[in-house]
């Protein structure tokens, strides 16, 4: 059983984002920033995860799972005040508290684990997570002794010329012994000008009590960078997209051009499948083995492709199941449809699934052949081995029998299915 809890600070207003949407609710790959941090925290299996949000932004609660405890910060009075707001929800039987931030979507469980293991190894009262930046301007610098021992943090505005040359910075993420943290929070005073309570002021109390503070370095500086601007949101998005694509590649999926391919992390794709450029695969999409998707293909939520399905350029699939070895190679829209095995759907085919008020279902049974520029007006069923001629419009409820050939506008049966002898 774990002996720590994790507090995630997500009450910042994010004014620099210039948006009415709370900063931590801005999305990368259809997922709010705060949930990336929560997911990394969950992998640590702590006793409890507490997310601190602002009373002015209660909508943040809506994106969090029900098992996540939420604490409210009444006023934006600084990071120490935010942690203090979580104090009553910190389990009495946990030894340590890890503090993270809801606007750092690149943080990984591996780095959090490194911080915690280092903290335990050093038996520290507080361990600061640090990293090295080529340009550390604006960040607090880590001060170390000649032997490399942590001796303090100096803010950028207060640093001397020599201190500003230090590349090691404070990420703002920490691991504390719970009892030391809670006692220190009760004693720190607000800053003179802002009247805010800063978490870094806890260090002074810990030093004065002759307790141990250590600094643990995160190897990949990108993991600990916060998102405060729309440009930083774009940069974080590129990194997360790359991670997602690398994960799929490791599972045997071939991605022709990572720069133009967008795949949600919740999608499932079988080995041997190829994804071609300018394809968008949304959350929850299921793709089987040895499929071909794209280029210029859009698979929306609810799409299921069985093994060996081929989806070509400018094809959109929505809330539909495509049977094994089915082919839709060009410029088609398939919505709310169940398609059987080995169906061929020609260029320009469209499922008209919406009547202006309601969506309707279409069924295309196995080995059916749908010609070019066909419109199927749902609800409708196309039978096994049936053929719908090019340019035809099959109107609603005018089902096509198994093995029949239909043509025209509206489509009429021109060849009845052969009778079995």
Protein backbone atom coordinates (compact mmCIF):
# COMPACT_ATOMS: atom_id res chain seq x y z
CA UNK A 1 0.00 0.00 0.00
CA UNK A 2 1.37 3.42 -0.94
CA UNK A 3 2.35 5.81 1.81
CA UNK A 4 1.79 9.11 0.03
CA UNK A 5 -0.90 11.27 -1.56
CA UNK A 6 -0.72 13.67 -4.51
CA UNK A 7 -2.04 17.23 -4.54
CA UNK A 8 -2.54 18.84 -7.94
CA UNK A 9 -2.87 22.63 -8.03
CA UNK A 10 -5.37 23.64 -10.72
CA UNK A 11 -6.89 26.87 -9.43
CA UNK A 12 -4.89 29.30 -11.58
CA UNK A 13 -6.96 31.71 -13.64
CA UNK A 14 -4.72 31.52 -16.70
CA UNK A 15 -5.21 35.13 -17.78
CA UNK A 16 -2.35 34.91 -20.28
CA UNK A 17 -4.32 32.32 -22.27
CA UNK A 18 -6.74 35.15 -23.14
CA UNK A 19 -9.70 32.80 -22.98
CA UNK A 20 -12.87 32.41 -20.94
CA UNK A 21 -12.04 28.70 -20.66
CA UNK A 22 -10.09 27.89 -17.46
CA UNK A 23 -6.47 27.19 -18.34
CA UNK A 24 -6.47 23.59 -17.14
CA UNK A 25 -9.52 22.85 -19.31
CA UNK A 26 -7.79 23.74 -22.57
CA UNK A 27 -7.43 20.53 -24.53
CA UNK A 28 -4.67 18.62 -26.24
CA UNK A 29 -5.89 15.75 -28.42
CA UNK A 30 -9.43 16.09 -27.00
CA UNK A 31 -8.22 15.82 -23.40
CA UNK A 32 -8.04 18.65 -20.81
CA UNK A 33 -4.58 19.59 -19.56
CA UNK A 34 -5.41 18.71 -15.96
CA UNK A 35 -6.36 15.14 -16.90
CA UNK A 36 -2.89 14.45 -18.27
CA UNK A 37 -1.49 15.25 -14.83
CA UNK A 38 -4.22 13.25 -13.07
CA UNK A 39 -3.56 10.23 -15.30
CA UNK A 40 0.17 10.37 -14.56
CA UNK A 41 -0.63 10.65 -10.85
CA UNK A 42 -2.99 7.64 -11.00
CA UNK A 43 -0.19 5.47 -12.33
CA UNK A 44 1.64 6.12 -9.05
CA UNK A 45 -1.27 4.50 -7.13
CA UNK A 46 -1.27 7.03 -4.24
CA UNK A 47 -3.59 6.81 -1.24
CA UNK A 48 -5.52 9.77 -2.61
CA UNK A 49 -5.37 12.41 -5.35
CA UNK A 50 -6.63 15.86 -4.40
CA UNK A 51 -7.14 18.49 -7.11
CA UNK A 52 -7.36 22.08 -5.89
CA UNK A 53 -9.61 24.27 -8.04
CA UNK A 54 -11.00 27.78 -7.80
CA UNK A 55 -14.51 28.43 -6.54
CA UNK A 56 -14.84 30.73 -9.54
CA UNK A 57 -14.16 27.81 -11.90
CA UNK A 58 -16.34 24.92 -10.64
CA UNK A 59 -16.58 23.48 -14.16
CA UNK A 60 -13.14 21.94 -13.67
CA UNK A 61 -14.84 19.39 -11.38
CA UNK A 62 -16.90 18.15 -14.36
CA UNK A 63 -13.90 16.77 -16.27
CA UNK A 64 -12.46 14.89 -13.30
CA UNK A 65 -13.35 11.31 -12.47
CA UNK A 66 -15.61 10.81 -9.45
CA UNK A 67 -12.83 9.10 -7.50
CA UNK A 68 -10.74 12.28 -7.57
CA UNK A 69 -11.19 14.45 -4.49
CA UNK A 70 -11.64 18.16 -5.17
CA UNK A 71 -10.72 20.96 -2.77
CA UNK A 72 -11.74 24.56 -3.39
CA UNK A 73 -9.47 27.57 -3.02
CA UNK A 74 -11.75 30.46 -2.03
CA UNK A 75 -9.43 33.24 -3.23
CA UNK A 76 -6.31 33.21 -5.46
CA UNK A 77 -3.89 33.73 -2.57
CA UNK A 78 -0.91 31.79 -3.86
CA UNK A 79 0.43 28.25 -4.08
CA UNK A 80 0.83 27.73 -0.34
CA UNK A 81 -2.76 28.77 0.23
CA UNK A 82 -3.86 26.31 -2.47
CA UNK A 83 -2.02 23.43 -0.79
CA UNK A 84 -3.48 24.52 2.54
CA UNK A 85 -6.97 24.25 1.00
CA UNK A 86 -6.22 20.57 0.34
CA UNK A 87 -4.99 19.97 3.88
CA UNK A 88 -8.22 18.56 5.30
CA UNK A 89 -8.34 15.98 2.48
CA UNK A 90 -4.79 14.70 2.97
CA UNK A 91 -5.09 11.27 4.62
CA UNK A 92 -3.88 11.19 8.21
CA UNK A 93 -2.07 7.89 7.62
CA UNK A 94 0.08 9.02 4.69
CA UNK A 95 3.74 9.88 5.22
CA UNK A 96 4.43 12.14 2.24
CA UNK A 97 2.69 14.63 -0.04
CA UNK A 98 3.67 15.18 -3.68
CA UNK A 99 2.67 18.55 -5.13
CA UNK A 100 2.08 18.84 -8.89
CA UNK A 101 0.45 21.39 -11.21
CA UNK A 102 -2.57 21.00 -13.45
CA UNK A 103 -1.01 22.97 -16.31
CA UNK A 104 1.97 20.61 -16.85
CA UNK A 105 0.49 18.01 -19.22
CA UNK A 106 3.87 16.56 -20.21
CA UNK A 107 4.74 15.21 -16.78
CA UNK A 108 5.07 11.42 -16.68
CA UNK A 109 4.61 8.87 -13.93
CA UNK A 110 8.26 7.88 -14.40
CA UNK A 111 9.46 11.36 -13.43
CA UNK A 112 7.07 11.54 -10.47
CA UNK A 113 8.37 8.14 -9.36
CA UNK A 114 11.97 9.37 -9.69
CA UNK A 115 11.14 12.34 -7.45
CA UNK A 116 9.47 10.18 -4.82
CA UNK A 117 12.15 7.49 -4.76
CA UNK A 118 14.86 10.17 -4.43
CA UNK A 119 12.91 11.73 -1.56
CA UNK A 120 12.73 8.42 0.28
CA UNK A 121 16.36 7.57 -0.39
CA UNK A 122 17.56 10.88 1.04
CA UNK A 123 15.04 10.80 3.91
CA UNK A 124 14.38 14.48 3.21
CA UNK A 125 11.81 16.75 4.76
CA UNK A 126 11.31 18.28 1.31
CA UNK A 127 12.59 17.35 -2.12
CA UNK A 128 12.46 19.89 -4.95
CA UNK A 129 12.12 18.70 -8.53
CA UNK A 130 14.51 20.69 -10.70
CA UNK A 131 15.64 20.69 -14.31
CA UNK A 132 18.14 22.45 -16.54
CA UNK A 133 17.12 25.04 -19.14
CA UNK A 134 19.26 26.66 -21.81
CA UNK A 135 17.37 29.90 -21.20
CA UNK A 136 16.20 29.93 -17.55
CA UNK A 137 14.94 33.51 -17.62
CA UNK A 138 11.90 34.02 -15.40
CA UNK A 139 12.45 30.88 -13.32
CA UNK A 140 13.73 30.57 -9.77
CA UNK A 141 17.35 29.35 -9.71
CA UNK A 142 18.59 26.45 -7.64
CA UNK A 143 21.54 27.34 -5.40
CA UNK A 144 23.96 24.58 -4.47
CA UNK A 145 27.11 24.42 -2.38
CA UNK A 146 30.53 23.57 -3.81
CA UNK A 147 29.79 19.93 -2.97
CA UNK A 148 26.50 20.04 -4.88
CA UNK A 149 24.25 20.19 -1.82
CA UNK A 150 21.01 22.14 -2.21
CA UNK A 151 21.16 25.37 -0.21
CA UNK A 152 18.28 27.45 -1.55
CA UNK A 153 16.17 28.97 -4.31
CA UNK A 154 16.43 32.53 -5.54
CA UNK A 155 13.73 34.08 -7.70
CA UNK A 156 14.77 35.48 -11.05
CA UNK A 157 13.93 39.08 -10.07
CA UNK A 158 16.04 38.80 -6.92
CA UNK A 159 19.01 36.93 -8.42
CA UNK A 160 22.46 38.47 -8.77
CA UNK A 161 24.21 38.54 -12.13
CA UNK A 162 26.16 35.40 -11.19
CA UNK A 163 23.06 33.60 -9.93
CA UNK A 164 21.22 34.37 -13.16
CA UNK A 165 23.85 32.35 -15.02
CA UNK A 166 22.68 29.20 -13.20
CA UNK A 167 20.79 26.90 -15.59
CA UNK A 168 19.16 24.68 -12.95
CA UNK A 169 15.65 25.91 -12.15
CA UNK A 170 12.85 25.20 -9.70
CA UNK A 171 9.94 23.42 -11.42
CA UNK A 172 7.54 24.15 -8.54
CA UNK A 173 6.93 20.43 -8.00
CA UNK A 174 7.85 18.99 -4.62
CA UNK A 175 7.63 16.03 -2.31
CA UNK A 176 7.17 16.84 1.39
CA UNK A 177 6.93 14.89 4.58
CA UNK A 178 3.29 15.47 5.36
CA UNK A 179 3.69 16.54 8.98
CA UNK A 180 6.44 19.04 8.15
CA UNK A 181 4.41 20.50 5.30
CA UNK A 182 1.24 21.01 7.32
CA UNK A 183 3.13 22.54 10.25
CA UNK A 184 5.05 24.89 7.97
CA UNK A 185 1.85 26.01 6.20
CA UNK A 186 0.45 27.06 9.55
CA UNK A 187 3.44 29.34 10.20
CA UNK A 188 4.27 31.07 6.90
CA UNK A 189 3.24 34.67 6.35
CA UNK A 190 1.99 36.41 3.19
CA UNK A 191 4.33 38.31 0.88
CA UNK A 192 4.43 42.03 1.65
CA UNK A 193 3.16 43.35 -1.68
CA UNK A 194 0.91 40.68 -3.16
CA UNK A 195 -0.40 39.37 0.18
CA UNK A 196 -0.14 35.87 -1.30
CA UNK A 197 1.27 32.78 0.42
CA UNK A 198 4.02 31.08 -1.58
CA UNK A 199 4.99 27.45 -1.24
CA UNK A 200 8.68 28.35 -1.48
CA UNK A 201 8.31 30.12 1.88
CA UNK A 202 7.88 26.69 3.44
CA UNK A 203 11.61 26.17 2.83
CA UNK A 204 12.57 28.88 5.30
CA UNK A 205 10.60 27.20 8.05
CA UNK A 206 12.14 23.81 7.19
CA UNK A 207 15.66 25.27 7.17
CA UNK A 208 15.07 26.99 10.51
CA UNK A 209 14.03 23.65 11.98
CA UNK A 210 17.30 22.11 10.70
CA UNK A 211 15.41 19.71 8.54
CA UNK A 212 16.76 18.31 5.30
CA UNK A 213 15.94 19.70 1.82
CA UNK A 214 17.14 17.92 -1.31
CA UNK A 215 16.90 18.61 -5.05
CA UNK A 216 16.17 15.95 -7.65
CA UNK A 217 16.87 16.70 -11.32
CA UNK A 218 14.35 15.81 -14.06
CA UNK A 219 16.33 14.73 -17.12
CA UNK A 220 13.78 15.87 -19.72
CA UNK A 221 13.05 19.55 -19.13
CA UNK A 222 9.98 19.42 -21.37
CA UNK A 223 8.08 17.31 -18.86
CA UNK A 224 7.99 20.03 -16.24
CA UNK A 225 7.18 23.06 -18.37
CA UNK A 226 3.83 24.70 -17.65
CA UNK A 227 1.36 25.86 -20.27
CA UNK A 228 0.61 29.56 -19.81
CA UNK A 229 0.24 30.77 -23.39
CA UNK A 230 -1.52 29.50 -26.50
CA UNK A 231 1.89 29.09 -28.15
CA UNK A 232 2.99 26.84 -25.28
CA UNK A 233 -0.25 24.87 -25.70
CA UNK A 234 0.71 24.24 -29.33
CA UNK A 235 4.22 23.15 -28.35
CA UNK A 236 2.89 20.75 -25.70
CA UNK A 237 0.37 19.41 -28.22
CA UNK A 238 3.13 18.55 -30.68
CA UNK A 239 5.05 16.62 -28.02
CA UNK A 240 1.99 14.69 -26.85
CA UNK A 241 0.98 13.87 -30.42
CA UNK A 242 4.47 12.53 -31.02
CA UNK A 243 4.29 10.38 -27.88
CA UNK A 244 0.94 8.94 -28.98
CA UNK A 245 2.23 8.11 -32.45
CA UNK A 246 5.39 6.53 -31.05
CA UNK A 247 3.23 4.36 -28.81
CA UNK A 248 1.18 3.13 -31.79
CA UNK A 249 4.34 2.54 -33.81
CA UNK A 250 5.65 0.38 -30.98
CA UNK A 251 2.50 -1.73 -31.32
CA UNK A 252 3.20 -2.46 -34.99
CA UNK A 253 1.24 0.36 -36.63
CA UNK A 254 2.93 2.05 -39.60
CA UNK A 255 2.45 5.81 -39.68
CA UNK A 256 3.60 7.26 -42.98
CA UNK A 257 3.92 10.90 -41.88
CA UNK A 258 3.77 11.74 -38.15
CA UNK A 259 3.63 15.48 -38.86
CA UNK A 260 0.25 15.23 -40.59
CA UNK A 261 -1.36 12.38 -38.67
CA UNK A 262 -3.66 12.96 -35.69
CA UNK A 263 -4.65 9.97 -33.52
CA UNK A 264 -6.41 10.16 -30.17
CA UNK A 265 -4.68 8.19 -27.43
CA UNK A 266 -7.88 6.24 -26.67
CA UNK A 267 -8.04 4.76 -30.18
CA UNK A 268 -7.08 1.11 -30.62
CA UNK A 269 -5.21 0.05 -33.76
CA UNK A 270 -4.10 -3.46 -34.67
CA UNK A 271 -0.63 -4.47 -35.80
CA UNK A 272 0.10 -4.26 -39.50
CA UNK A 273 -2.27 -1.36 -40.10
CA UNK A 274 -0.99 1.58 -42.17
CA UNK A 275 -2.06 5.16 -41.53
CA UNK A 276 -1.37 7.53 -44.41
CA UNK A 277 -0.89 11.33 -44.27
CA UNK A 278 -3.56 13.86 -43.27
CA UNK A 279 -5.67 11.32 -41.39
CA UNK A 280 -7.63 12.16 -38.23
CA UNK A 281 -8.63 9.33 -35.88
CA UNK A 282 -10.79 10.48 -32.99
CA UNK A 283 -11.26 9.08 -29.48
CA UNK A 284 -12.55 5.57 -29.04
CA UNK A 285 -12.07 4.50 -32.66
CA UNK A 286 -11.29 0.79 -33.05
CA UNK A 287 -9.21 -0.38 -36.01
CA UNK A 288 -8.30 -4.00 -36.61
CA UNK A 289 -5.17 -5.62 -38.01
CA UNK A 290 -3.72 -5.04 -41.48
CA UNK A 291 -6.04 -2.17 -42.36
CA UNK A 292 -5.27 0.80 -44.60
CA UNK A 293 -6.45 4.27 -43.60
CA UNK A 294 -6.04 7.45 -45.64
CA UNK A 295 -4.69 9.68 -46.92
CA UNK A 296 -7.09 12.53 -46.02
CA UNK A 297 -9.35 10.29 -43.96
CA UNK A 298 -11.49 11.18 -40.96
CA UNK A 299 -12.58 8.45 -38.53
CA UNK A 300 -14.97 9.89 -35.98
CA UNK A 301 -16.05 8.61 -32.59
CA UNK A 302 -17.90 5.30 -32.72
CA UNK A 303 -16.11 4.02 -35.81
CA UNK A 304 -15.07 0.35 -35.83
CA UNK A 305 -12.96 -1.14 -38.63
CA UNK A 306 -12.55 -4.90 -38.61
CA UNK A 307 -9.40 -6.57 -39.95
CA UNK A 308 -8.20 -5.82 -43.50
CA UNK A 309 -10.54 -2.88 -44.06
CA UNK A 310 -9.32 -0.29 -46.57
CA UNK A 311 -10.42 3.35 -46.19
CA UNK A 312 -9.12 5.76 -48.80
CA UNK A 313 -8.73 9.46 -49.48
CA UNK A 314 -11.40 11.97 -48.44
CA UNK A 315 -13.51 9.35 -46.68
CA UNK A 316 -15.35 10.10 -43.43
CA UNK A 317 -16.66 7.37 -41.14
CA UNK A 318 -18.91 8.15 -38.17
CA UNK A 319 -20.51 5.78 -35.64
CA UNK A 320 -20.28 2.85 -38.05
CA UNK A 321 -18.99 -0.72 -38.10
CA UNK A 322 -17.15 -1.91 -41.21
CA UNK A 323 -16.81 -5.66 -41.67
CA UNK A 324 -13.62 -7.51 -42.54
CA UNK A 325 -12.05 -6.80 -45.95
CA UNK A 326 -14.53 -4.04 -46.81
CA UNK A 327 -13.24 -1.31 -49.14
CA UNK A 328 -14.22 2.38 -49.28
CA UNK A 329 -11.46 3.93 -51.31
CA UNK A 330 -12.62 7.40 -52.36
CA UNK A 331 -14.60 10.47 -51.30
CA UNK A 332 -17.42 8.91 -49.28
CA UNK A 333 -19.41 9.55 -46.10
CA UNK A 334 -20.57 6.59 -44.01
CA UNK A 335 -22.60 7.48 -40.92
CA UNK A 336 -24.61 5.36 -38.47
CA UNK A 337 -24.13 2.30 -40.65
CA UNK A 338 -23.36 -1.37 -40.17
CA UNK A 339 -21.41 -2.74 -43.13
CA UNK A 340 -20.78 -6.46 -43.58
CA UNK A 341 -17.73 -8.34 -44.86
CA UNK A 342 -16.18 -7.79 -48.29
CA UNK A 343 -18.42 -4.89 -49.24
CA UNK A 344 -17.20 -2.50 -51.94
CA UNK A 345 -18.39 1.12 -51.73
CA UNK A 346 -17.57 3.26 -54.76
CA UNK A 347 -16.34 6.83 -55.04
CA UNK A 348 -18.76 9.55 -53.97
CA UNK A 349 -21.13 7.25 -52.07
CA UNK A 350 -23.04 8.93 -49.26
CA UNK A 351 -25.20 7.66 -46.42
CA UNK A 352 -27.92 10.29 -45.86
CA UNK A 353 -28.44 9.44 -42.19
CA UNK A 354 -30.09 12.67 -40.99
CA UNK A 355 -33.61 13.74 -41.93
CA UNK A 356 -33.38 17.16 -40.32
CA UNK A 357 -34.61 15.94 -36.95
CA UNK A 358 -33.24 12.49 -36.29
CA UNK A 359 -30.36 10.19 -37.23
CA UNK A 360 -31.29 6.85 -38.81
CA UNK A 361 -29.48 3.55 -39.25
CA UNK A 362 -28.36 1.86 -42.46
CA UNK A 363 -27.34 -1.75 -42.95
CA UNK A 364 -25.23 -2.96 -45.88
CA UNK A 365 -24.87 -6.71 -45.82
CA UNK A 366 -21.84 -8.77 -46.82
CA UNK A 367 -20.47 -8.74 -50.37
CA UNK A 368 -22.83 -5.96 -51.46
CA UNK A 369 -21.55 -3.60 -54.18
CA UNK A 370 -22.37 0.10 -53.93
CA UNK A 371 -21.58 2.02 -57.13
CA UNK A 372 -20.14 5.48 -57.56
CA UNK A 373 -22.19 8.53 -56.49
CA UNK A 374 -24.84 6.44 -54.76
CA UNK A 375 -27.00 7.97 -52.02
CA UNK A 376 -28.57 5.64 -49.47
CA UNK A 377 -31.30 7.46 -47.56
CA UNK A 378 -31.61 5.97 -44.09
CA UNK A 379 -33.23 3.96 -42.71
CA UNK A 380 -32.53 1.37 -45.37
CA UNK A 381 -31.09 -2.14 -45.78
CA UNK A 382 -28.98 -3.34 -48.71
CA UNK A 383 -29.00 -7.12 -48.88
CA UNK A 384 -26.23 -9.68 -49.35
CA UNK A 385 -24.49 -9.55 -52.73
CA UNK A 386 -26.90 -6.82 -53.84
CA UNK A 387 -25.71 -4.22 -56.37
CA UNK A 388 -26.68 -0.54 -56.35
CA UNK A 389 -25.88 1.03 -59.70
CA UNK A 390 -23.84 4.19 -60.10
CA UNK A 391 -25.70 7.45 -59.48
CA UNK A 392 -28.68 5.74 -57.84
CA UNK A 393 -30.66 7.08 -54.89
CA UNK A 394 -32.11 4.39 -52.65
CA UNK A 395 -34.90 6.13 -50.74
CA UNK A 396 -35.77 5.49 -47.11
CA UNK A 397 -37.40 2.19 -46.20
CA UNK A 398 -37.00 0.90 -49.78
CA UNK A 399 -34.78 -2.02 -48.85
CA UNK A 400 -32.73 -3.78 -51.52
CA UNK A 401 -33.25 -7.58 -51.48
CA UNK A 402 -30.35 -10.01 -51.30
CA UNK A 403 -28.73 -10.45 -54.70
CA UNK A 404 -30.84 -7.78 -56.46
CA UNK A 405 -29.62 -5.06 -58.84
CA UNK A 406 -31.21 -1.64 -58.38
CA UNK A 407 -30.67 1.52 -60.43
CA UNK A 408 -32.10 4.98 -60.94
CA UNK A 409 -33.48 7.95 -59.06
CA UNK A 410 -35.32 6.73 -57.11
CA UNK A 411 -33.73 3.29 -57.36
CA UNK A 412 -35.83 0.49 -58.83
CA UNK A 413 -35.13 -3.22 -59.08
CA UNK A 414 -33.94 -3.97 -62.61
CA UNK A 415 -32.71 -7.48 -61.92
CA UNK A 416 -34.30 -9.67 -59.31
CA UNK A 417 -32.23 -12.10 -57.33
CA UNK A 418 -31.85 -15.52 -58.89
CA UNK A 419 -33.99 -18.14 -57.29
CA UNK A 420 -32.22 -21.07 -55.74
CA UNK A 421 -33.05 -24.42 -57.34
